[in-house]
Amino acid sequence: MRLNLFTDYCLRTLMYLGMHEGVARRSDVAKAYAISYNHLMKVVHWLSSAGYVDTMRGRGGGIRLSRPPISISIGELVRRSESGSYMVECFEPGNQSCHIAPVCQLKPVLHEAQEAMLSVLDRYSLADVLGDRQSLRSILIPVLS
């Protein structure tokens, strides 16, 4: 199972904000992970619409978590950001293109595996995956000399 790039960027953005104190600039997040600023803008817009981050405009503006890391469920975020993405084609609602669908035993197995993965992710919050924030900070925000 593989998460889409959008979900990966959502998780990484939340981790950056979780270890960053105060307001962060979008450009700093993009630079820390070497990801496209344009992609990050779409991620931040979605995270804001979904209630994970607050955005501030103007001088001194930027982004920050809208709630404490302990209250951000990794499983919930993955479910929401992956909605519309299907592990296999036959999971898509209304998809009738599979010739073996009436007798297929693979679909329920894959569905069970997907639910097991999400069940594990449900046990973790953003606070859990931040770990040692100081170590994370030292990698993402190197000391400027």
C-alpha atoms as a PDB file:
ATOM      1  CA  MET A   1       0.000   0.000   0.000  1.00  0.00           C
ATOM      2  CA  ARG A   2       1.240   3.405  -0.903  1.00  0.00           C
ATOM      3  CA  LEU A   3      -0.055   6.789   0.155  1.00  0.00           C
ATOM      4  CA  ASN A   4      -0.359   9.373  -2.568  1.00  0.00           C
ATOM      5  CA  LEU A   5       2.081  12.273  -2.739  1.00  0.00           C
ATOM      6  CA  PHE A   6      -0.579  14.722  -1.576  1.00  0.00           C
ATOM      7  CA  THR A   7      -1.040  12.788   1.692  1.00  0.00           C
ATOM      8  CA  ASP A   8       2.729  12.550   2.139  1.00  0.00           C
ATOM      9  CA  TYR A   9       3.023  16.337   1.804  1.00  0.00           C
ATOM     10  CA  CYS A  10       0.115  16.843   4.221  1.00  0.00           C
ATOM     11  CA  LEU A  11       1.807  14.675   6.844  1.00  0.00           C
ATOM     12  CA  ARG A  12       5.187  16.324   6.376  1.00  0.00           C
ATOM     13  CA  THR A  13       3.676  19.813   6.544  1.00  0.00           C
ATOM     14  CA  LEU A  14       1.890  18.965   9.801  1.00  0.00           C
ATOM     15  CA  MET A  15       5.105  17.503  11.229  1.00  0.00           C
ATOM     16  CA  TYR A  16       6.984  20.686  10.342  1.00  0.00           C
ATOM     17  CA  LEU A  17       4.322  22.826  11.969  1.00  0.00           C
ATOM     18  CA  GLY A  18       4.177  20.512  14.975  1.00  0.00           C
ATOM     19  CA  MET A  19       7.841  20.990  15.776  1.00  0.00           C
ATOM     20  CA  HIS A  20       7.863  24.674  14.793  1.00  0.00           C
ATOM     21  CA  GLU A  21       6.791  27.113  17.438  1.00  0.00           C
ATOM     22  CA  GLY A  22       4.567  29.909  16.229  1.00  0.00           C
ATOM     23  CA  VAL A  23       3.864  30.814  12.637  1.00  0.00           C
ATOM     24  CA  ALA A  24       5.888  29.230   9.826  1.00  0.00           C
ATOM     25  CA  ARG A  25       6.333  30.511   6.312  1.00  0.00           C
ATOM     26  CA  ARG A  26       5.188  28.295   3.469  1.00  0.00           C
ATOM     27  CA  SER A  27       8.458  28.863   1.667  1.00  0.00           C
ATOM     28  CA  ASP A  28      10.382  27.495   4.682  1.00  0.00           C
ATOM     29  CA  VAL A  29       8.281  24.320   4.677  1.00  0.00           C
ATOM     30  CA  ALA A  30       8.837  23.850   0.940  1.00  0.00           C
ATOM     31  CA  LYS A  31      12.574  24.445   1.344  1.00  0.00           C
ATOM     32  CA  ALA A  32      12.908  22.095   4.345  1.00  0.00           C
ATOM     33  CA  TYR A  33      11.492  19.173   2.352  1.00  0.00           C
ATOM     34  CA  ALA A  34      12.686  20.278  -1.106  1.00  0.00           C
ATOM     35  CA  ILE A  35       9.150  20.173  -2.457  1.00  0.00           C
ATOM     36  CA  SER A  36       7.461  22.418  -4.990  1.00  0.00           C
ATOM     37  CA  TYR A  37       6.042  25.614  -3.512  1.00  0.00           C
ATOM     38  CA  ASN A  38       3.048  25.290  -5.862  1.00  0.00           C
ATOM     39  CA  HIS A  39       2.289  21.777  -4.603  1.00  0.00           C
ATOM     40  CA  LEU A  40       2.669  22.978  -1.047  1.00  0.00           C
ATOM     41  CA  MET A  41       0.163  25.787  -1.680  1.00  0.00           C
ATOM     42  CA  LYS A  42      -2.464  23.204  -2.687  1.00  0.00           C
ATOM     43  CA  VAL A  43      -1.649  21.134   0.404  1.00  0.00           C
ATOM     44  CA  VAL A  44      -1.885  24.148   2.723  1.00  0.00           C
ATOM     45  CA  HIS A  45      -5.172  25.210   1.157  1.00  0.00           C
ATOM     46  CA  TRP A  46      -6.626  21.729   1.741  1.00  0.00           C
ATOM     47  CA  LEU A  47      -5.209  21.511   5.292  1.00  0.00           C
ATOM     48  CA  SER A  48      -6.773  24.895   6.052  1.00  0.00           C
ATOM     49  CA  SER A  49     -10.152  23.927   4.567  1.00  0.00           C
ATOM     50  CA  ALA A  50     -10.055  20.660   6.532  1.00  0.00           C
ATOM     51  CA  GLY A  51      -9.361  22.527   9.777  1.00  0.00           C
ATOM     52  CA  TYR A  52      -5.816  21.295  10.421  1.00  0.00           C
ATOM     53  CA  VAL A  53      -4.016  24.610   9.953  1.00  0.00           C
ATOM     54  CA  ASP A  54      -4.696  28.303  10.252  1.00  0.00           C
ATOM     55  CA  THR A  55      -3.332  30.664   7.621  1.00  0.00           C
ATOM     56  CA  MET A  56      -2.453  34.305   8.152  1.00  0.00           C
ATOM     57  CA  ARG A  57      -1.913  36.828   5.381  1.00  0.00           C
ATOM     58  CA  GLY A  58       0.357  39.799   5.172  1.00  0.00           C
ATOM     59  CA  ARG A  59       3.596  40.683   6.849  1.00  0.00           C
ATOM     60  CA  GLY A  60       4.310  38.225   9.630  1.00  0.00           C
ATOM     61  CA  GLY A  61       1.766  35.858   8.097  1.00  0.00           C
ATOM     62  CA  GLY A  62       2.160  32.186   7.408  1.00  0.00           C
ATOM     63  CA  ILE A  63       0.713  28.939   8.696  1.00  0.00           C
ATOM     64  CA  ARG A  64       0.358  27.198  12.038  1.00  0.00           C
ATOM     65  CA  LEU A  65      -1.470  24.225  13.476  1.00  0.00           C
ATOM     66  CA  SER A  66      -5.074  25.027  14.295  1.00  0.00           C
ATOM     67  CA  ARG A  67      -5.088  22.632  17.253  1.00  0.00           C
ATOM     68  CA  PRO A  68      -2.622  20.767  19.464  1.00  0.00           C
ATOM     69  CA  PRO A  69      -0.694  17.871  17.834  1.00  0.00           C
ATOM     70  CA  ILE A  70      -2.233  15.386  20.290  1.00  0.00           C
ATOM     71  CA  SER A  71      -5.671  16.091  18.794  1.00  0.00           C
ATOM     72  CA  ILE A  72      -4.653  15.433  15.167  1.00  0.00           C
ATOM     73  CA  SER A  73      -5.269  11.789  14.282  1.00  0.00           C
ATOM     74  CA  ILE A  74      -2.966  10.334  11.633  1.00  0.00           C
ATOM     75  CA  GLY A  75      -5.652   7.834  10.604  1.00  0.00           C
ATOM     76  CA  GLU A  76      -8.267  10.552  10.158  1.00  0.00           C
ATOM     77  CA  LEU A  77      -5.911  12.687   8.105  1.00  0.00           C
ATOM     78  CA  VAL A  78      -4.986   9.770   5.839  1.00  0.00           C
ATOM     79  CA  ARG A  79      -8.641   8.795   5.315  1.00  0.00           C
ATOM     80  CA  ARG A  80      -9.596  12.355   4.445  1.00  0.00           C
ATOM     81  CA  SER A  81      -6.635  13.135   2.192  1.00  0.00           C
ATOM     82  CA  GLU A  82      -6.863   9.790   0.401  1.00  0.00           C
ATOM     83  CA  SER A  83     -10.613   9.982  -0.258  1.00  0.00           C
ATOM     84  CA  GLY A  84     -11.128   9.494  -3.953  1.00  0.00           C
ATOM     85  CA  SER A  85      -7.943   7.399  -4.178  1.00  0.00           C
ATOM     86  CA  TYR A  86      -8.489   3.667  -4.379  1.00  0.00           C
ATOM     87  CA  MET A  87      -6.055   0.864  -3.667  1.00  0.00           C
ATOM     88  CA  VAL A  88      -7.323  -1.052  -6.681  1.00  0.00           C
ATOM     89  CA  GLU A  89      -9.647  -0.133  -9.512  1.00  0.00           C
ATOM     90  CA  CYS A  90     -12.483  -2.368  -8.318  1.00  0.00           C
ATOM     91  CA  PHE A  91     -12.773  -0.363  -5.061  1.00  0.00           C
ATOM     92  CA  GLU A  92     -14.075   2.628  -7.024  1.00  0.00           C
ATOM     93  CA  PRO A  93     -17.828   3.035  -6.555  1.00  0.00           C
ATOM     94  CA  GLY A  94     -19.717   1.962  -9.635  1.00  0.00           C
ATOM     95  CA  ASN A  95     -16.694   0.391 -11.311  1.00  0.00           C
ATOM     96  CA  GLN A  96     -17.923  -2.649 -13.220  1.00  0.00           C
ATOM     97  CA  SER A  97     -14.853  -3.278 -15.374  1.00  0.00           C
ATOM     98  CA  CYS A  98     -13.501  -6.313 -13.509  1.00  0.00           C
ATOM     99  CA  HIS A  99     -14.382  -9.560 -15.277  1.00  0.00           C
ATOM    100  CA  ILE A 100     -13.882 -11.734 -12.202  1.00  0.00           C
ATOM    101  CA  ALA A 101     -15.819  -9.548  -9.731  1.00  0.00           C
ATOM    102  CA  PRO A 102     -18.624 -12.086  -9.123  1.00  0.00           C
ATOM    103  CA  VAL A 103     -16.156 -14.703  -7.870  1.00  0.00           C
ATOM    104  CA  CYS A 104     -13.175 -12.622  -6.776  1.00  0.00           C
ATOM    105  CA  GLN A 105     -11.710 -13.428  -3.379  1.00  0.00           C
ATOM    106  CA  LEU A 106      -8.933 -10.823  -3.616  1.00  0.00           C
ATOM    107  CA  LYS A 107     -11.097  -7.730  -3.085  1.00  0.00           C
ATOM    108  CA  PRO A 108     -12.178  -8.628   0.476  1.00  0.00           C
ATOM    109  CA  VAL A 109      -8.589  -9.506   1.392  1.00  0.00           C
ATOM    110  CA  LEU A 110      -7.300  -6.161   0.125  1.00  0.00           C
ATOM    111  CA  HIS A 111     -10.146  -4.348   1.874  1.00  0.00           C
ATOM    112  CA  GLU A 112      -9.248  -6.077   5.149  1.00  0.00           C
ATOM    113  CA  ALA A 113      -5.582  -5.131   4.705  1.00  0.00           C
ATOM    114  CA  GLN A 114      -6.493  -1.508   4.027  1.00  0.00           C
ATOM    115  CA  GLU A 115      -8.722  -1.363   7.115  1.00  0.00           C
ATOM    116  CA  ALA A 116      -5.950  -2.930   9.225  1.00  0.00           C
ATOM    117  CA  MET A 117      -3.507  -0.249   8.093  1.00  0.00           C
ATOM    118  CA  LEU A 118      -5.973   2.537   8.879  1.00  0.00           C
ATOM    119  CA  SER A 119      -6.724   0.942  12.238  1.00  0.00           C
ATOM    120  CA  VAL A 120      -3.031   1.141  13.141  1.00  0.00           C
ATOM    121  CA  LEU A 121      -2.838   4.770  11.973  1.00  0.00           C
ATOM    122  CA  ASP A 122      -5.881   5.568  14.128  1.00  0.00           C
ATOM    123  CA  ARG A 123      -3.835   4.732  17.211  1.00  0.00           C
ATOM    124  CA  TYR A 124      -1.396   7.584  16.542  1.00  0.00           C
ATOM    125  CA  SER A 125      -1.623  11.352  16.721  1.00  0.00           C
ATOM    126  CA  LEU A 126       0.651  13.984  15.252  1.00  0.00           C
ATOM    127  CA  ALA A 127       2.247  14.293  18.711  1.00  0.00           C
ATOM    128  CA  ASP A 128       3.221  10.610  18.580  1.00  0.00           C
ATOM    129  CA  VAL A 129       5.012  10.914  15.247  1.00  0.00           C
ATOM    130  CA  LEU A 130       6.837  14.096  16.163  1.00  0.00           C
ATOM    131  CA  GLY A 131       9.031  12.132  18.564  1.00  0.00           C
ATOM    132  CA  ASP A 132      11.999  14.174  19.692  1.00  0.00           C
ATOM    133  CA  ARG A 133      11.025  17.590  18.370  1.00  0.00           C
ATOM    134  CA  GLN A 134      14.490  19.000  18.979  1.00  0.00           C
ATOM    135  CA  SER A 135      16.117  16.378  16.734  1.00  0.00           C
ATOM    136  CA  LEU A 136      13.503  16.940  14.054  1.00  0.00           C
ATOM    137  CA  ARG A 137      13.988  20.697  14.325  1.00  0.00           C
ATOM    138  CA  SER A 138      17.770  20.348  13.935  1.00  0.00           C
ATOM    139  CA  ILE A 139      17.277  18.533  10.638  1.00  0.00           C
ATOM    140  CA  LEU A 140      14.511  20.692   9.210  1.00  0.00           C
ATOM    141  CA  ILE A 141      15.722  24.055  10.454  1.00  0.00           C
ATOM    142  CA  PRO A 142      19.532  24.009  10.424  1.00  0.00           C
ATOM    143  CA  VAL A 143      21.290  26.648  12.460  1.00  0.00           C
ATOM    144  CA  LEU A 144      22.223  29.546  10.218  1.00  0.00           C
ATOM    145  CA  SER A 145      25.804  30.673  10.608  1.00  0.00           C
END
